[in-house]
Amino acid sequence: TNDIARTAGVNIATLYQYFPKKEA
């Protein structure tokens, strides 16, 4: 999830607002 957030240029906390884990 850190890789995804970094590549997308979004904060990891923002990613976790919508997705509990990468499988989601």
PDB file of all heavy atoms in Angstrom:
ATOM      1  N   THR A   1       0.834  -1.200   0.000  1.00  0.00           N
ATOM      2  CA  THR A   1       0.000   0.000   0.000  1.00  0.00           C
ATOM      3  C   THR A   1       0.871   1.254   0.000  1.00  0.00           C
ATOM      4  O   THR A   1       0.507   2.278  -0.582  1.00  0.00           O
ATOM      5  CB  THR A   1      -0.945   0.017   1.214  1.00  0.00           C
ATOM      6  OG1 THR A   1      -0.194  -0.265   2.407  1.00  0.00           O
ATOM      7  CG2 THR A   1      -2.051  -1.001   1.059  1.00  0.00           C
ATOM      8  N   ASN A   2       2.026   1.186   0.642  1.00  0.00           N
ATOM      9  CA  ASN A   2       2.936   2.332   0.621  1.00  0.00           C
ATOM     10  C   ASN A   2       3.441   2.602  -0.791  1.00  0.00           C
ATOM     11  O   ASN A   2       3.558   3.754  -1.212  1.00  0.00           O
ATOM     12  CB  ASN A   2       4.120   2.090   1.562  1.00  0.00           C
ATOM     13  CG  ASN A   2       3.760   2.326   3.018  1.00  0.00           C
ATOM     14  OD1 ASN A   2       3.099   3.300   3.352  1.00  0.00           O
ATOM     15  ND2 ASN A   2       4.169   1.417   3.889  1.00  0.00           N
ATOM     16  N   ASP A   3       3.758   1.530  -1.529  1.00  0.00           N
ATOM     17  CA  ASP A   3       4.189   1.686  -2.921  1.00  0.00           C
ATOM     18  C   ASP A   3       3.092   2.347  -3.750  1.00  0.00           C
ATOM     19  O   ASP A   3       3.360   3.249  -4.564  1.00  0.00           O
ATOM     20  CB  ASP A   3       4.517   0.322  -3.539  1.00  0.00           C
ATOM     21  CG  ASP A   3       5.729  -0.336  -2.927  1.00  0.00           C
ATOM     22  OD1 ASP A   3       6.605   0.394  -2.414  1.00  0.00           O
ATOM     23  OD2 ASP A   3       5.800  -1.581  -2.962  1.00  0.00           O
ATOM     24  N   ILE A   4       1.870   1.877  -3.558  1.00  0.00           N
ATOM     25  CA  ILE A   4       0.739   2.414  -4.327  1.00  0.00           C
ATOM     26  C   ILE A   4       0.537   3.893  -4.011  1.00  0.00           C
ATOM     27  O   ILE A   4       0.385   4.722  -4.917  1.00  0.00           O
ATOM     28  CB  ILE A   4      -0.541   1.618  -4.022  1.00  0.00           C
ATOM     29  CG1 ILE A   4      -0.405   0.172  -4.511  1.00  0.00           C
ATOM     30  CG2 ILE A   4      -1.758   2.278  -4.676  1.00  0.00           C
ATOM     31  CD1 ILE A   4      -1.500  -0.762  -4.024  1.00  0.00           C
ATOM     32  N   ALA A   5       0.537   4.227  -2.716  1.00  0.00           N
ATOM     33  CA  ALA A   5       0.327   5.618  -2.311  1.00  0.00           C
ATOM     34  C   ALA A   5       1.429   6.518  -2.856  1.00  0.00           C
ATOM     35  O   ALA A   5       1.166   7.613  -3.376  1.00  0.00           O
ATOM     36  CB  ALA A   5       0.269   5.712  -0.786  1.00  0.00           C
ATOM     37  N   ARG A   6       2.675   6.045  -2.761  1.00  0.00           N
ATOM     38  CA  ARG A   6       3.805   6.842  -3.245  1.00  0.00           C
ATOM     39  C   ARG A   6       3.725   7.057  -4.756  1.00  0.00           C
ATOM     40  O   ARG A   6       3.917   8.161  -5.255  1.00  0.00           O
ATOM     41  CB  ARG A   6       5.116   6.147  -2.875  1.00  0.00           C
ATOM     42  CG  ARG A   6       6.357   6.939  -3.294  1.00  0.00           C
ATOM     43  CD  ARG A   6       7.624   6.342  -2.710  1.00  0.00           C
ATOM     44  NE  ARG A   6       7.775   4.931  -3.061  1.00  0.00           N
ATOM     45  CZ  ARG A   6       7.602   3.932  -2.190  1.00  0.00           C
ATOM     46  NH1 ARG A   6       7.258   4.174  -0.936  1.00  0.00           N
ATOM     47  NH2 ARG A   6       7.772   2.673  -2.575  1.00  0.00           N
ATOM     48  N   THR A   7       3.413   5.995  -5.511  1.00  0.00           N
ATOM     49  CA  THR A   7       3.342   6.102  -6.964  1.00  0.00           C
ATOM     50  C   THR A   7       2.173   6.980  -7.394  1.00  0.00           C
ATOM     51  O   THR A   7       2.270   7.730  -8.367  1.00  0.00           O
ATOM     52  CB  THR A   7       3.187   4.696  -7.590  1.00  0.00           C
ATOM     53  OG1 THR A   7       4.257   3.866  -7.132  1.00  0.00           O
ATOM     54  CG2 THR A   7       3.233   4.772  -9.110  1.00  0.00           C
ATOM     55  N   ALA A   8       1.068   6.893  -6.655  1.00  0.00           N
ATOM     56  CA  ALA A   8      -0.109   7.708  -6.990  1.00  0.00           C
ATOM     57  C   ALA A   8       0.022   9.145  -6.500  1.00  0.00           C
ATOM     58  O   ALA A   8      -0.748  10.016  -6.915  1.00  0.00           O
ATOM     59  CB  ALA A   8      -1.353   7.074  -6.381  1.00  0.00           C
ATOM     60  N   GLY A   9       0.995   9.380  -5.608  1.00  0.00           N
ATOM     61  CA  GLY A   9       1.184  10.726  -5.080  1.00  0.00           C
ATOM     62  C   GLY A   9       0.122  11.123  -4.077  1.00  0.00           C
ATOM     63  O   GLY A   9      -0.242  12.296  -3.969  1.00  0.00           O
ATOM     64  N   VAL A  10      -0.394  10.135  -3.330  1.00  0.00           N
ATOM     65  CA  VAL A  10      -1.391  10.434  -2.296  1.00  0.00           C
ATOM     66  C   VAL A  10      -0.845   9.993  -0.943  1.00  0.00           C
ATOM     67  O   VAL A  10       0.007   9.114  -0.850  1.00  0.00           O
ATOM     68  CB  VAL A  10      -2.738   9.715  -2.577  1.00  0.00           C
ATOM     69  CG1 VAL A  10      -3.303  10.131  -3.913  1.00  0.00           C
ATOM     70  CG2 VAL A  10      -2.585   8.199  -2.499  1.00  0.00           C
ATOM     71  N   ASN A  11      -1.357  10.611   0.092  1.00  0.00           N
ATOM     72  CA  ASN A  11      -0.947  10.260   1.449  1.00  0.00           C
ATOM     73  C   ASN A  11      -1.465   8.865   1.791  1.00  0.00           C
ATOM     74  O   ASN A  11      -2.582   8.516   1.434  1.00  0.00           O
ATOM     75  CB  ASN A  11      -1.508  11.302   2.426  1.00  0.00           C
ATOM     76  CG  ASN A  11      -0.940  11.152   3.817  1.00  0.00           C
ATOM     77  OD1 ASN A  11      -1.288  10.216   4.527  1.00  0.00           O
ATOM     78  ND2 ASN A  11      -0.067  12.078   4.209  1.00  0.00           N
ATOM     79  N   ILE A  12      -0.663   8.079   2.500  1.00  0.00           N
ATOM     80  CA  ILE A  12      -1.079   6.726   2.860  1.00  0.00           C
ATOM     81  C   ILE A  12      -2.343   6.746   3.719  1.00  0.00           C
ATOM     82  O   ILE A  12      -3.198   5.845   3.613  1.00  0.00           O
ATOM     83  CB  ILE A  12       0.059   5.975   3.597  1.00  0.00           C
ATOM     84  CG1 ILE A  12      -0.312   4.491   3.800  1.00  0.00           C
ATOM     85  CG2 ILE A  12       0.379   6.656   4.915  1.00  0.00           C
ATOM     86  CD1 ILE A  12      -0.449   3.706   2.548  1.00  0.00           C
ATOM     87  N   ALA A  13      -2.509   7.779   4.536  1.00  0.00           N
ATOM     88  CA  ALA A  13      -3.718   7.895   5.358  1.00  0.00           C
ATOM     89  C   ALA A  13      -4.948   8.083   4.474  1.00  0.00           C
ATOM     90  O   ALA A  13      -6.031   7.570   4.785  1.00  0.00           O
ATOM     91  CB  ALA A  13      -3.584   9.053   6.339  1.00  0.00           C
ATOM     92  N   THR A  14      -4.773   8.800   3.360  1.00  0.00           N
ATOM     93  CA  THR A  14      -5.876   8.989   2.414  1.00  0.00           C
ATOM     94  C   THR A  14      -6.261   7.666   1.771  1.00  0.00           C
ATOM     95  O   THR A  14      -7.446   7.338   1.631  1.00  0.00           O
ATOM     96  CB  THR A  14      -5.474   9.994   1.319  1.00  0.00           C
ATOM     97  OG1 THR A  14      -5.165  11.252   1.921  1.00  0.00           O
ATOM     98  CG2 THR A  14      -6.599  10.171   0.306  1.00  0.00           C
ATOM     99  N   LEU A  15      -5.261   6.877   1.402  1.00  0.00           N
ATOM    100  CA  LEU A  15      -5.538   5.562   0.809  1.00  0.00           C
ATOM    101  C   LEU A  15      -6.327   4.696   1.786  1.00  0.00           C
ATOM    102  O   LEU A  15      -7.309   4.047   1.404  1.00  0.00           O
ATOM    103  CB  LEU A  15      -4.224   4.883   0.428  1.00  0.00           C
ATOM    104  CG  LEU A  15      -4.311   3.537  -0.291  1.00  0.00           C
ATOM    105  CD1 LEU A  15      -3.121   3.342  -1.236  1.00  0.00           C
ATOM    106  CD2 LEU A  15      -4.344   2.359   0.705  1.00  0.00           C
ATOM    107  N   TYR A  16      -5.914   4.708   3.082  1.00  0.00           N
ATOM    108  CA  TYR A  16      -6.575   3.858   4.067  1.00  0.00           C
ATOM    109  C   TYR A  16      -7.986   4.337   4.410  1.00  0.00           C
ATOM    110  O   TYR A  16      -8.768   3.585   4.997  1.00  0.00           O
ATOM    111  CB  TYR A  16      -5.737   3.753   5.336  1.00  0.00           C
ATOM    112  CG  TYR A  16      -4.605   2.765   5.221  1.00  0.00           C
ATOM    113  CD1 TYR A  16      -3.311   3.107   5.623  1.00  0.00           C
ATOM    114  CD2 TYR A  16      -4.812   1.484   4.715  1.00  0.00           C
ATOM    115  CE1 TYR A  16      -2.262   2.205   5.522  1.00  0.00           C
ATOM    116  CE2 TYR A  16      -3.778   0.579   4.606  1.00  0.00           C
ATOM    117  CZ  TYR A  16      -2.503   0.943   5.009  1.00  0.00           C
ATOM    118  OH  TYR A  16      -1.475   0.039   4.890  1.00  0.00           O
ATOM    119  N   GLN A  17      -8.327   5.566   4.044  1.00  0.00           N
ATOM    120  CA  GLN A  17      -9.700   6.016   4.241  1.00  0.00           C
ATOM    121  C   GLN A  17     -10.669   5.192   3.404  1.00  0.00           C
ATOM    122  O   GLN A  17     -11.822   4.986   3.786  1.00  0.00           O
ATOM    123  CB  GLN A  17      -9.841   7.493   3.846  1.00  0.00           C
ATOM    124  CG  GLN A  17      -9.260   8.481   4.828  1.00  0.00           C
ATOM    125  CD  GLN A  17      -9.458   9.913   4.358  1.00  0.00           C
ATOM    126  OE1 GLN A  17     -10.176  10.166   3.388  1.00  0.00           O
ATOM    127  NE2 GLN A  17      -8.823  10.851   5.044  1.00  0.00           N
ATOM    128  N   TYR A  18     -10.164   4.722   2.254  1.00  0.00           N
ATOM    129  CA  TYR A  18     -11.035   4.018   1.307  1.00  0.00           C
ATOM    130  C   TYR A  18     -10.762   2.513   1.241  1.00  0.00           C
ATOM    131  O   TYR A  18     -11.680   1.726   1.005  1.00  0.00           O
ATOM    132  CB  TYR A  18     -10.874   4.630  -0.086  1.00  0.00           C
ATOM    133  CG  TYR A  18     -11.166   6.102  -0.113  1.00  0.00           C
ATOM    134  CD1 TYR A  18     -10.139   7.048  -0.136  1.00  0.00           C
ATOM    135  CD2 TYR A  18     -12.483   6.559  -0.078  1.00  0.00           C
ATOM    136  CE1 TYR A  18     -10.421   8.406  -0.142  1.00  0.00           C
ATOM    137  CE2 TYR A  18     -12.771   7.907  -0.083  1.00  0.00           C
ATOM    138  CZ  TYR A  18     -11.732   8.833  -0.117  1.00  0.00           C
ATOM    139  OH  TYR A  18     -12.015  10.180  -0.108  1.00  0.00           O
ATOM    140  N   PHE A  19      -9.521   2.118   1.442  1.00  0.00           N
ATOM    141  CA  PHE A  19      -9.151   0.715   1.274  1.00  0.00           C
ATOM    142  C   PHE A  19      -8.414   0.203   2.512  1.00  0.00           C
ATOM    143  O   PHE A  19      -7.367   0.747   2.864  1.00  0.00           O
ATOM    144  CB  PHE A  19      -8.256   0.541   0.045  1.00  0.00           C
ATOM    145  CG  PHE A  19      -8.877   1.047  -1.230  1.00  0.00           C
ATOM    146  CD1 PHE A  19      -8.487   2.267  -1.768  1.00  0.00           C
ATOM    147  CD2 PHE A  19      -9.857   0.313  -1.885  1.00  0.00           C
ATOM    148  CE1 PHE A  19      -9.054   2.743  -2.942  1.00  0.00           C
ATOM    149  CE2 PHE A  19     -10.431   0.769  -3.064  1.00  0.00           C
ATOM    150  CZ  PHE A  19     -10.031   1.993  -3.593  1.00  0.00           C
ATOM    151  N   PRO A  20      -8.951  -0.855   3.175  1.00  0.00           N
ATOM    152  CA  PRO A  20      -8.289  -1.357   4.395  1.00  0.00           C
ATOM    153  C   PRO A  20      -6.959  -2.047   4.120  1.00  0.00           C
ATOM    154  O   PRO A  20      -6.121  -2.127   5.003  1.00  0.00           O
ATOM    155  CB  PRO A  20      -9.312  -2.340   4.958  1.00  0.00           C
ATOM    156  CG  PRO A  20     -10.147  -2.751   3.789  1.00  0.00           C
ATOM    157  CD  PRO A  20     -10.211  -1.551   2.902  1.00  0.00           C
ATOM    158  N   LYS A  21      -6.757  -2.549   2.888  1.00  0.00           N
ATOM    159  CA  LYS A  21      -5.513  -3.220   2.530  1.00  0.00           C
ATOM    160  C   LYS A  21      -5.437  -3.306   1.012  1.00  0.00           C
ATOM    161  O   LYS A  21      -6.396  -2.991   0.310  1.00  0.00           O
ATOM    162  CB  LYS A  21      -5.436  -4.612   3.154  1.00  0.00           C
ATOM    163  CG  LYS A  21      -6.614  -5.515   2.823  1.00  0.00           C
ATOM    164  CD  LYS A  21      -6.492  -6.847   3.531  1.00  0.00           C
ATOM    165  CE  LYS A  21      -7.643  -7.776   3.215  1.00  0.00           C
ATOM    166  NZ  LYS A  21      -7.495  -9.096   3.870  1.00  0.00           N
ATOM    167  N   LYS A  22      -4.293  -3.744   0.499  1.00  0.00           N
ATOM    168  CA  LYS A  22      -4.105  -3.741  -0.953  1.00  0.00           C
ATOM    169  C   LYS A  22      -5.073  -4.678  -1.659  1.00  0.00           C
ATOM    170  O   LYS A  22      -5.496  -4.415  -2.790  1.00  0.00           O
ATOM    171  CB  LYS A  22      -2.666  -4.086  -1.322  1.00  0.00           C
ATOM    172  CG  LYS A  22      -2.258  -5.536  -1.081  1.00  0.00           C
ATOM    173  CD  LYS A  22      -0.828  -5.797  -1.538  1.00  0.00           C
ATOM    174  CE  LYS A  22      -0.443  -7.268  -1.366  1.00  0.00           C
ATOM    175  NZ  LYS A  22       0.964  -7.510  -1.763  1.00  0.00           N
ATOM    176  N   GLU A  23      -5.451  -5.797  -0.997  1.00  0.00           N
ATOM    177  CA  GLU A  23      -6.389  -6.734  -1.609  1.00  0.00           C
ATOM    178  C   GLU A  23      -7.749  -6.080  -1.857  1.00  0.00           C
ATOM    179  O   GLU A  23      -8.473  -6.465  -2.773  1.00  0.00           O
ATOM    180  CB  GLU A  23      -6.546  -7.978  -0.736  1.00  0.00           C
ATOM    181  CG  GLU A  23      -5.353  -8.921  -0.777  1.00  0.00           C
ATOM    182  CD  GLU A  23      -4.204  -8.464   0.109  1.00  0.00           C
ATOM    183  OE1 GLU A  23      -4.386  -7.498   0.878  1.00  0.00           O
ATOM    184  OE2 GLU A  23      -3.117  -9.080   0.052  1.00  0.00           O
ATOM    185  N   ALA A  24      -8.098  -5.101  -1.030  1.00  0.00           N
ATOM    186  CA  ALA A  24      -9.345  -4.374  -1.241  1.00  0.00           C
ATOM    187  C   ALA A  24      -9.269  -3.529  -2.511  1.00  0.00           C
ATOM    188  O   ALA A  24     -10.267  -3.357  -3.212  1.00  0.00           O
ATOM    189  CB  ALA A  24      -9.655  -3.492  -0.038  1.00  0.00           C
TER     190      ALA A  24
END
